[in-house]
């Protein structure tokens, strides 16, 4: 399962890097996020993440590859994600958004000296707040995996255009 999950993420990222004639998504920004997450059967903890944002100029659909990390009670999760989201209002307006995606969860449990890698599904929604060269966001996020989790995050995406 590890190889097939890695292959899915590599193919998805390669599609984003394809020449402009083959597709029209472009890197539009980068940013970070911080929040509070409650992993299943564990105490709540801080979650940190970084992301890139790809978009088309004529679409409200964004592609977000990201990397997130949390650690609590000698258990940690490092997970790359590939998410898609749709914002309901035009660019430059405060807008709600909904999204979904896949992540690969590398959960390490130091209590039993064991690591596990599995595929997870992400479901999330939030609000985007525009600024001159960036947008801020607040988000609720639920991840279904071996260690399912719910989180509340806030972050910033800096635009490169």
Protein backbone atom coordinates (compact mmCIF):
# COMPACT_ATOMS: atom_id res chain seq x y z
CA UNK A 1 0.00 0.00 0.00
CA UNK A 2 2.90 2.38 0.65
CA UNK A 3 4.08 2.27 -2.98
CA UNK A 4 0.60 2.81 -4.43
CA UNK A 5 -0.07 5.76 -2.11
CA UNK A 6 3.26 7.36 -3.00
CA UNK A 7 2.53 6.78 -6.69
CA UNK A 8 -0.85 8.53 -6.42
CA UNK A 9 0.74 11.60 -4.82
CA UNK A 10 3.63 11.68 -7.31
CA UNK A 11 1.27 11.46 -10.30
CA UNK A 12 -0.90 14.22 -8.86
CA UNK A 13 2.04 16.53 -8.28
CA UNK A 14 3.50 15.71 -11.71
CA UNK A 15 0.20 16.70 -13.31
CA UNK A 16 0.48 20.09 -11.63
CA UNK A 17 4.01 20.54 -13.00
CA UNK A 18 2.99 19.65 -16.59
CA UNK A 19 3.54 22.28 -19.34
CA UNK A 20 0.95 25.06 -19.57
CA UNK A 21 -0.44 23.64 -22.82
CA UNK A 22 -1.38 20.40 -21.05
CA UNK A 23 -3.09 22.09 -18.15
CA UNK A 24 -3.61 25.60 -16.83
CA UNK A 25 -3.04 25.39 -13.08
CA UNK A 26 -0.13 27.54 -11.91
CA UNK A 27 1.60 28.14 -8.61
CA UNK A 28 -0.21 31.13 -7.13
CA UNK A 29 1.09 31.17 -3.56
CA UNK A 30 2.59 29.50 -0.52
CA UNK A 31 1.89 29.66 3.18
CA UNK A 32 1.54 28.07 6.55
CA UNK A 33 -1.06 27.06 9.08
CA UNK A 34 -1.29 26.36 12.78
CA UNK A 35 -4.12 24.89 14.78
CA UNK A 36 -5.45 22.52 17.38
CA UNK A 37 -6.21 18.89 16.54
CA UNK A 38 -7.75 16.04 18.51
CA UNK A 39 -6.33 12.72 17.26
CA UNK A 40 -8.50 9.69 18.04
CA UNK A 41 -7.82 8.22 21.54
CA UNK A 42 -5.14 10.87 22.26
CA UNK A 43 -5.03 14.29 23.94
CA UNK A 44 -5.50 17.38 21.80
CA UNK A 45 -2.36 19.05 20.49
CA UNK A 46 -0.98 21.77 18.24
CA UNK A 47 -0.79 21.05 14.50
CA UNK A 48 1.71 22.83 12.19
CA UNK A 49 1.70 22.85 8.41
CA UNK A 50 2.99 24.41 5.23
CA UNK A 51 1.40 24.46 1.80
CA UNK A 52 1.62 25.53 -1.83
CA UNK A 53 -1.42 26.78 -3.71
CA UNK A 54 -2.14 26.17 -7.40
CA UNK A 55 -5.03 27.81 -9.26
CA UNK A 56 -6.40 28.68 -12.68
CA UNK A 57 -7.28 32.29 -13.38
CA UNK A 58 -10.79 31.35 -14.54
CA UNK A 59 -11.67 28.95 -11.72
CA UNK A 60 -12.56 28.95 -8.05
CA UNK A 61 -11.01 25.49 -7.63
CA UNK A 62 -7.60 25.42 -5.94
CA UNK A 63 -5.13 22.54 -5.59
CA UNK A 64 -3.19 22.51 -2.32
CA UNK A 65 -0.28 20.14 -1.69
CA UNK A 66 0.74 20.44 1.97
CA UNK A 67 2.74 18.89 4.76
CA UNK A 68 1.36 18.78 8.33
CA UNK A 69 2.72 17.55 11.65
CA UNK A 70 1.49 16.96 15.20
CA UNK A 71 2.88 15.16 18.25
CA UNK A 72 1.24 14.21 21.55
CA UNK A 73 1.54 11.44 24.17
CA UNK A 74 4.63 9.95 22.42
CA UNK A 75 2.64 9.60 19.17
CA UNK A 76 3.31 11.79 16.12
CA UNK A 77 1.95 12.12 12.59
CA UNK A 78 3.81 13.56 9.61
CA UNK A 79 1.45 13.71 6.66
CA UNK A 80 1.78 15.03 3.12
CA UNK A 81 -1.62 15.89 1.60
CA UNK A 82 -3.04 16.68 -1.80
CA UNK A 83 -6.28 18.65 -1.38
CA UNK A 84 -8.75 20.45 -3.66
CA UNK A 85 -11.07 23.21 -2.50
CA UNK A 86 -13.73 25.43 -4.02
CA UNK A 87 -14.43 28.98 -2.81
CA UNK A 88 -17.94 30.29 -3.38
CA UNK A 89 -17.27 34.03 -3.85
CA UNK A 90 -14.96 35.64 -6.42
CA UNK A 91 -11.28 36.27 -5.68
CA UNK A 92 -10.88 39.38 -3.51
CA UNK A 93 -14.06 38.81 -1.46
CA UNK A 94 -14.53 37.11 1.90
CA UNK A 95 -15.62 33.63 0.91
CA UNK A 96 -16.60 30.32 2.45
CA UNK A 97 -14.94 27.24 0.93
CA UNK A 98 -15.29 23.45 0.98
CA UNK A 99 -12.68 20.86 0.10
CA UNK A 100 -11.51 17.28 0.12
CA UNK A 101 -8.31 15.39 -0.50
CA UNK A 102 -5.97 12.53 0.33
CA UNK A 103 -3.06 12.29 2.72
CA UNK A 104 -0.39 9.76 3.60
CA UNK A 105 -0.07 9.44 7.38
CA UNK A 106 3.23 8.33 8.89
CA UNK A 107 2.22 7.72 12.50
CA UNK A 108 5.06 6.95 14.92
CA UNK A 109 4.21 5.54 18.35
CA UNK A 110 7.23 5.78 20.65
CA UNK A 111 5.31 4.06 23.48
CA UNK A 112 5.51 0.75 21.61
CA UNK A 113 8.39 1.63 19.24
CA UNK A 114 6.22 1.23 16.16
CA UNK A 115 5.47 3.21 13.00
CA UNK A 116 2.60 2.82 10.59
CA UNK A 117 1.86 4.41 7.21
CA UNK A 118 -1.68 4.61 5.85
CA UNK A 119 -3.82 6.57 3.44
CA UNK A 120 -6.31 9.07 4.84
CA UNK A 121 -9.20 11.11 3.45
CA UNK A 122 -9.56 14.82 4.28
CA UNK A 123 -12.81 16.78 4.46
CA UNK A 124 -12.61 20.48 5.31
CA UNK A 125 -14.29 23.86 5.08
CA UNK A 126 -13.66 27.39 6.20
CA UNK A 127 -13.54 31.08 5.39
CA UNK A 128 -10.99 32.99 3.26
CA UNK A 129 -10.21 36.63 4.08
CA UNK A 130 -8.50 38.59 1.28
CA UNK A 131 -5.63 41.05 1.69
CA UNK A 132 -3.47 42.93 -0.85
CA UNK A 133 -0.77 40.28 -1.36
CA UNK A 134 -2.23 37.35 0.59
CA UNK A 135 -5.31 35.79 2.07
CA UNK A 136 -5.90 34.51 5.58
CA UNK A 137 -8.14 31.59 6.39
CA UNK A 138 -9.78 29.71 9.24
CA UNK A 139 -10.67 26.09 8.68
CA UNK A 140 -12.31 23.06 10.27
CA UNK A 141 -10.75 19.80 9.09
CA UNK A 142 -11.64 16.14 9.61
CA UNK A 143 -9.25 13.37 8.57
CA UNK A 144 -10.34 9.75 8.30
CA UNK A 145 -7.37 7.39 8.78
CA UNK A 146 -6.04 4.80 11.26
CA UNK A 147 -5.75 7.72 13.71
CA UNK A 148 -8.72 9.88 12.68
CA UNK A 149 -8.62 13.49 13.82
CA UNK A 150 -10.55 16.75 13.89
CA UNK A 151 -8.76 20.09 13.80
CA UNK A 152 -9.39 23.82 13.79
CA UNK A 153 -6.70 25.76 11.88
CA UNK A 154 -5.79 29.30 10.93
CA UNK A 155 -3.26 30.28 8.30
CA UNK A 156 -2.00 32.63 5.64
CA UNK A 157 -1.28 32.18 1.93
CA UNK A 158 1.10 34.69 0.33
CA UNK A 159 0.39 35.29 -3.36
CA UNK A 160 3.28 35.34 -5.84
CA UNK A 161 1.50 37.38 -8.51
